N, C-alpha and C. Protein backbone atom coordinates (compact mmCIF):
# COMPACT_ATOMS: atom_id res chain seq x y z
N UNK A 1 -7.26 -22.00 -45.06
CA UNK A 1 -8.54 -21.76 -44.43
C UNK A 1 -9.45 -21.07 -45.43
N UNK A 2 -10.60 -21.54 -45.51
CA UNK A 2 -11.57 -21.00 -46.45
C UNK A 2 -12.51 -20.05 -45.72
N UNK A 3 -13.08 -19.12 -46.43
CA UNK A 3 -14.02 -18.16 -45.82
C UNK A 3 -15.32 -18.83 -45.42
N UNK A 4 -15.61 -19.99 -45.96
CA UNK A 4 -16.86 -20.66 -45.64
C UNK A 4 -16.89 -21.19 -44.21
N UNK A 5 -15.76 -21.66 -43.71
CA UNK A 5 -15.74 -22.18 -42.35
C UNK A 5 -15.01 -21.24 -41.39
N UNK A 6 -14.98 -19.94 -41.68
CA UNK A 6 -14.36 -18.96 -40.79
C UNK A 6 -15.17 -18.85 -39.50
N UNK A 7 -14.53 -18.99 -38.40
CA UNK A 7 -15.20 -18.87 -37.11
C UNK A 7 -15.79 -20.15 -36.59
N UNK A 8 -15.77 -21.21 -37.37
CA UNK A 8 -16.36 -22.46 -36.91
C UNK A 8 -15.36 -23.34 -36.18
N UNK A 9 -14.08 -22.96 -36.20
CA UNK A 9 -13.08 -23.77 -35.51
C UNK A 9 -13.21 -23.57 -34.01
N UNK A 10 -12.87 -24.58 -33.27
CA UNK A 10 -12.95 -24.53 -31.80
C UNK A 10 -11.75 -23.74 -31.27
N UNK A 11 -12.03 -22.76 -30.48
CA UNK A 11 -10.97 -21.96 -29.86
C UNK A 11 -10.92 -22.29 -28.38
N UNK A 12 -9.70 -22.54 -27.89
CA UNK A 12 -9.56 -22.82 -26.47
C UNK A 12 -9.57 -21.53 -25.69
N UNK A 13 -10.29 -21.53 -24.60
CA UNK A 13 -10.32 -20.38 -23.70
C UNK A 13 -10.13 -20.92 -22.28
N UNK A 14 -8.87 -21.18 -21.88
CA UNK A 14 -8.66 -21.79 -20.57
C UNK A 14 -9.04 -20.84 -19.43
N UNK A 15 -9.66 -21.40 -18.44
CA UNK A 15 -10.02 -20.62 -17.26
C UNK A 15 -8.78 -20.35 -16.43
N UNK A 16 -8.86 -19.38 -15.54
CA UNK A 16 -7.73 -19.05 -14.68
C UNK A 16 -7.38 -20.21 -13.76
N UNK A 17 -8.37 -21.05 -13.41
CA UNK A 17 -8.10 -22.15 -12.51
C UNK A 17 -7.22 -23.20 -13.16
N UNK A 18 -7.22 -23.28 -14.48
CA UNK A 18 -6.46 -24.28 -15.19
C UNK A 18 -5.02 -23.84 -15.46
N UNK A 19 -4.73 -22.57 -15.31
CA UNK A 19 -3.38 -22.08 -15.58
C UNK A 19 -2.49 -22.31 -14.37
N UNK A 20 -1.23 -22.53 -14.63
CA UNK A 20 -0.26 -22.77 -13.58
C UNK A 20 0.58 -21.51 -13.40
N UNK A 21 0.73 -21.08 -12.15
CA UNK A 21 1.55 -19.92 -11.85
C UNK A 21 2.91 -20.43 -11.38
N UNK A 22 3.94 -20.00 -12.06
CA UNK A 22 5.30 -20.40 -11.72
C UNK A 22 5.90 -19.31 -10.86
N UNK A 23 6.35 -19.62 -9.63
CA UNK A 23 6.93 -18.59 -8.78
C UNK A 23 8.26 -18.09 -9.34
N UNK A 24 8.53 -16.84 -9.08
CA UNK A 24 9.76 -16.23 -9.53
C UNK A 24 10.94 -16.79 -8.76
N UNK A 25 12.07 -16.88 -9.42
CA UNK A 25 13.27 -17.36 -8.75
C UNK A 25 13.97 -16.24 -8.00
N UNK A 26 13.60 -14.99 -8.29
CA UNK A 26 14.20 -13.87 -7.59
C UNK A 26 13.52 -13.68 -6.25
N UNK A 27 14.32 -13.32 -5.26
CA UNK A 27 13.77 -13.07 -3.93
C UNK A 27 13.06 -11.72 -3.93
N UNK A 28 11.87 -11.69 -3.36
CA UNK A 28 11.11 -10.46 -3.32
C UNK A 28 11.77 -9.47 -2.38
N UNK A 29 11.87 -8.22 -2.81
CA UNK A 29 12.45 -7.19 -1.97
C UNK A 29 11.40 -6.69 -0.98
N UNK A 30 11.87 -6.28 0.18
CA UNK A 30 10.97 -5.78 1.21
C UNK A 30 10.49 -4.38 0.83
N UNK A 31 9.25 -4.09 1.14
CA UNK A 31 8.69 -2.78 0.86
C UNK A 31 9.30 -1.74 1.80
N UNK A 32 9.69 -0.61 1.23
CA UNK A 32 10.28 0.48 2.00
C UNK A 32 9.30 1.64 1.96
N UNK A 33 8.91 2.13 3.14
CA UNK A 33 7.95 3.22 3.26
C UNK A 33 8.67 4.44 3.82
N UNK A 34 8.59 5.56 3.10
CA UNK A 34 9.16 6.82 3.57
C UNK A 34 8.04 7.65 4.17
N UNK A 35 8.21 8.03 5.44
CA UNK A 35 7.18 8.78 6.16
C UNK A 35 7.78 10.07 6.70
N UNK A 36 7.01 11.17 6.60
CA UNK A 36 7.42 12.43 7.21
C UNK A 36 6.58 12.66 8.45
N UNK A 37 7.24 13.07 9.52
CA UNK A 37 6.55 13.43 10.77
C UNK A 37 6.40 14.94 10.74
N UNK A 38 5.17 15.42 10.72
CA UNK A 38 4.91 16.85 10.63
C UNK A 38 4.88 17.47 12.02
N UNK A 39 5.69 18.51 12.22
CA UNK A 39 5.78 19.21 13.49
C UNK A 39 5.63 20.71 13.25
N UNK A 40 5.35 21.47 14.32
CA UNK A 40 5.34 22.92 14.22
C UNK A 40 3.96 23.52 14.43
N UNK A 41 3.90 24.81 14.16
CA UNK A 41 2.66 25.56 14.41
C UNK A 41 1.94 25.94 13.13
N UNK A 42 2.29 25.34 12.03
CA UNK A 42 1.63 25.64 10.75
C UNK A 42 0.19 25.12 10.79
N UNK A 43 -0.76 25.84 10.15
CA UNK A 43 -2.17 25.38 10.17
C UNK A 43 -2.38 23.98 9.61
N UNK A 44 -1.59 23.57 8.62
CA UNK A 44 -1.78 22.21 8.08
C UNK A 44 -1.41 21.15 9.11
N UNK A 45 -0.51 21.48 10.03
CA UNK A 45 -0.15 20.55 11.10
C UNK A 45 -1.24 20.55 12.17
N UNK A 46 -1.79 21.71 12.48
CA UNK A 46 -2.80 21.82 13.53
C UNK A 46 -4.13 21.19 13.11
N UNK A 47 -4.47 21.28 11.85
CA UNK A 47 -5.75 20.71 11.37
C UNK A 47 -5.73 19.20 11.46
N UNK A 48 -4.62 18.57 11.11
CA UNK A 48 -4.50 17.11 11.13
C UNK A 48 -3.70 16.65 12.33
N UNK A 49 -4.05 17.11 13.50
CA UNK A 49 -3.29 16.76 14.70
C UNK A 49 -3.38 15.27 15.03
N UNK A 50 -4.47 14.60 14.65
CA UNK A 50 -4.61 13.18 14.96
C UNK A 50 -3.84 12.30 13.98
N UNK A 51 -3.43 12.85 12.84
CA UNK A 51 -2.67 12.09 11.84
C UNK A 51 -1.40 12.87 11.48
N UNK A 52 -0.39 12.82 12.34
CA UNK A 52 0.80 13.64 12.12
C UNK A 52 1.82 13.04 11.15
N UNK A 53 1.57 11.85 10.60
CA UNK A 53 2.52 11.21 9.70
C UNK A 53 1.97 11.25 8.27
N UNK A 54 2.85 11.57 7.33
CA UNK A 54 2.46 11.59 5.92
C UNK A 54 3.37 10.66 5.15
N UNK A 55 2.77 9.74 4.38
CA UNK A 55 3.54 8.82 3.55
C UNK A 55 4.00 9.59 2.31
N UNK A 56 5.31 9.69 2.12
CA UNK A 56 5.83 10.45 0.99
C UNK A 56 6.22 9.56 -0.18
N UNK A 57 6.59 8.31 0.09
CA UNK A 57 7.04 7.43 -0.98
C UNK A 57 6.94 5.98 -0.53
N UNK A 58 6.57 5.10 -1.45
CA UNK A 58 6.53 3.66 -1.19
C UNK A 58 7.37 2.99 -2.27
N UNK A 59 8.43 2.30 -1.85
CA UNK A 59 9.27 1.56 -2.79
C UNK A 59 8.85 0.09 -2.79
N UNK A 60 8.79 -0.50 -3.95
CA UNK A 60 8.40 -1.91 -4.15
C UNK A 60 6.95 -2.15 -3.74
N UNK A 61 6.09 -1.19 -3.97
CA UNK A 61 4.68 -1.33 -3.66
C UNK A 61 3.90 -0.10 -4.09
N UNK A 62 2.59 -0.22 -4.12
CA UNK A 62 1.74 0.90 -4.50
C UNK A 62 0.82 1.26 -3.35
N UNK A 63 0.13 0.28 -2.80
CA UNK A 63 -0.75 0.52 -1.67
C UNK A 63 -0.42 -0.47 -0.56
N UNK A 64 -0.71 -0.06 0.66
CA UNK A 64 -0.51 -0.91 1.83
C UNK A 64 -1.81 -0.93 2.63
N UNK A 65 -2.06 -2.04 3.31
CA UNK A 65 -3.28 -2.17 4.11
C UNK A 65 -2.91 -2.07 5.58
N UNK A 66 -3.67 -1.25 6.31
CA UNK A 66 -3.50 -1.10 7.75
C UNK A 66 -4.86 -1.20 8.42
N UNK A 67 -4.84 -1.46 9.72
CA UNK A 67 -6.09 -1.54 10.48
C UNK A 67 -6.75 -0.18 10.56
N UNK A 68 -8.06 -0.17 10.41
CA UNK A 68 -8.82 1.07 10.60
C UNK A 68 -8.94 1.36 12.09
N UNK A 69 -9.10 0.31 12.89
CA UNK A 69 -9.21 0.46 14.34
C UNK A 69 -7.88 0.04 14.97
N UNK A 70 -7.31 0.93 15.74
CA UNK A 70 -5.95 0.73 16.25
C UNK A 70 -5.85 -0.36 17.30
N UNK A 71 -6.93 -0.65 18.03
CA UNK A 71 -6.83 -1.56 19.17
C UNK A 71 -6.90 -3.03 18.77
N UNK A 72 -7.21 -3.33 17.52
CA UNK A 72 -7.29 -4.72 17.10
C UNK A 72 -5.94 -5.22 16.62
N UNK A 73 -5.71 -6.55 16.69
CA UNK A 73 -4.45 -7.11 16.20
C UNK A 73 -4.28 -6.86 14.70
N UNK A 74 -3.04 -6.89 14.23
CA UNK A 74 -2.75 -6.61 12.83
C UNK A 74 -3.51 -7.56 11.91
N UNK A 75 -4.14 -7.01 10.89
CA UNK A 75 -4.86 -7.80 9.90
C UNK A 75 -6.27 -8.18 10.28
N UNK A 76 -6.73 -7.85 11.47
CA UNK A 76 -8.09 -8.19 11.90
C UNK A 76 -8.96 -6.95 11.88
N UNK A 77 -10.23 -7.16 11.65
CA UNK A 77 -11.17 -6.04 11.63
C UNK A 77 -11.11 -5.29 10.30
N UNK A 78 -11.76 -4.13 10.25
CA UNK A 78 -11.77 -3.37 9.01
C UNK A 78 -10.37 -2.89 8.63
N UNK A 79 -10.06 -2.97 7.35
CA UNK A 79 -8.76 -2.55 6.83
C UNK A 79 -8.96 -1.36 5.90
N UNK A 80 -7.96 -0.48 5.85
CA UNK A 80 -7.96 0.62 4.89
C UNK A 80 -6.68 0.52 4.07
N UNK A 81 -6.76 0.96 2.84
CA UNK A 81 -5.59 0.99 1.96
C UNK A 81 -5.00 2.39 1.99
N UNK A 82 -3.70 2.47 2.18
CA UNK A 82 -3.01 3.75 2.17
C UNK A 82 -1.97 3.74 1.06
N UNK A 83 -1.71 4.90 0.52
CA UNK A 83 -0.73 5.05 -0.55
C UNK A 83 0.04 6.33 -0.30
N UNK A 84 0.92 6.68 -1.21
CA UNK A 84 1.72 7.89 -1.04
C UNK A 84 0.82 9.12 -0.92
N UNK A 85 1.22 10.06 -0.10
CA UNK A 85 0.57 11.34 0.19
C UNK A 85 -0.60 11.19 1.17
N UNK A 86 -0.88 10.00 1.64
CA UNK A 86 -1.91 9.83 2.67
C UNK A 86 -1.33 10.15 4.04
N UNK A 87 -2.17 10.70 4.90
CA UNK A 87 -1.77 10.97 6.28
C UNK A 87 -2.28 9.83 7.14
N UNK A 88 -1.43 9.37 8.07
CA UNK A 88 -1.80 8.24 8.93
C UNK A 88 -1.53 8.60 10.38
N UNK A 89 -2.17 7.86 11.27
CA UNK A 89 -2.03 8.08 12.71
C UNK A 89 -0.77 7.40 13.24
N UNK A 90 -0.48 7.62 14.50
CA UNK A 90 0.68 7.00 15.16
C UNK A 90 0.54 5.49 15.15
N UNK A 91 -0.65 4.96 15.43
CA UNK A 91 -0.87 3.52 15.46
C UNK A 91 -0.68 2.89 14.08
N UNK A 92 -1.18 3.56 13.03
CA UNK A 92 -1.01 3.04 11.67
C UNK A 92 0.47 3.07 11.27
N UNK A 93 1.18 4.11 11.66
CA UNK A 93 2.62 4.18 11.38
C UNK A 93 3.37 3.06 12.10
N UNK A 94 2.97 2.76 13.33
CA UNK A 94 3.58 1.65 14.07
C UNK A 94 3.31 0.31 13.37
N UNK A 95 2.09 0.12 12.87
CA UNK A 95 1.77 -1.11 12.17
C UNK A 95 2.58 -1.23 10.88
N UNK A 96 2.73 -0.13 10.16
CA UNK A 96 3.55 -0.16 8.95
C UNK A 96 4.99 -0.53 9.29
N UNK A 97 5.50 -0.02 10.41
CA UNK A 97 6.87 -0.31 10.81
C UNK A 97 7.05 -1.77 11.22
N UNK A 98 6.00 -2.42 11.72
CA UNK A 98 6.11 -3.83 12.11
C UNK A 98 6.23 -4.75 10.90
N UNK A 99 5.66 -4.34 9.76
CA UNK A 99 5.60 -5.22 8.61
C UNK A 99 6.47 -4.77 7.44
N UNK A 100 6.99 -3.57 7.47
CA UNK A 100 7.79 -3.03 6.37
C UNK A 100 8.99 -2.28 6.94
N UNK A 101 9.92 -1.97 6.08
CA UNK A 101 11.02 -1.10 6.49
C UNK A 101 10.52 0.34 6.36
N UNK A 102 10.65 1.12 7.43
CA UNK A 102 10.13 2.48 7.44
C UNK A 102 11.27 3.46 7.70
N UNK A 103 11.31 4.52 6.90
CA UNK A 103 12.28 5.60 7.07
C UNK A 103 11.49 6.85 7.42
N UNK A 104 11.76 7.40 8.61
CA UNK A 104 11.01 8.58 9.08
C UNK A 104 11.92 9.80 9.03
N UNK A 105 11.40 10.88 8.43
CA UNK A 105 12.08 12.17 8.45
C UNK A 105 11.16 13.18 9.12
N UNK A 106 11.74 14.18 9.75
CA UNK A 106 10.95 15.19 10.45
C UNK A 106 10.86 16.43 9.59
N UNK A 107 9.68 17.05 9.57
CA UNK A 107 9.46 18.27 8.82
C UNK A 107 8.85 19.28 9.77
N UNK A 108 9.61 20.34 10.08
CA UNK A 108 9.16 21.36 10.99
C UNK A 108 8.54 22.51 10.20
N UNK A 109 7.24 22.69 10.33
CA UNK A 109 6.52 23.74 9.61
C UNK A 109 6.12 24.84 10.59
N UNK A 110 6.53 26.05 10.32
CA UNK A 110 6.17 27.20 11.16
C UNK A 110 5.22 28.10 10.38
N UNK A 111 4.30 28.73 11.11
CA UNK A 111 3.32 29.62 10.48
C UNK A 111 3.95 30.94 10.09
């Protein structure tokens, strides 16, 4: 290659639509969500009385989507993304349990 025709060669830049995605042969593992149920008379429990569940760990995932409004069917209406350390309501915890494996532990906090 000579310096005189540097940069004049045609470079292919395939679009994402032209690329083929090959599915993995491994079976996808189910997402496991670890949730703590906060109980007791501690001020942190009393302040967040409407959201008594705290997501402590998510295995095989980073964020999960749940309904913002509890009365709508799963996946319909406004959605919010939750991740570890977020507090969620009883309805959101129920929705997570319908679609993922959920492990609940109880944490009793006293003032």
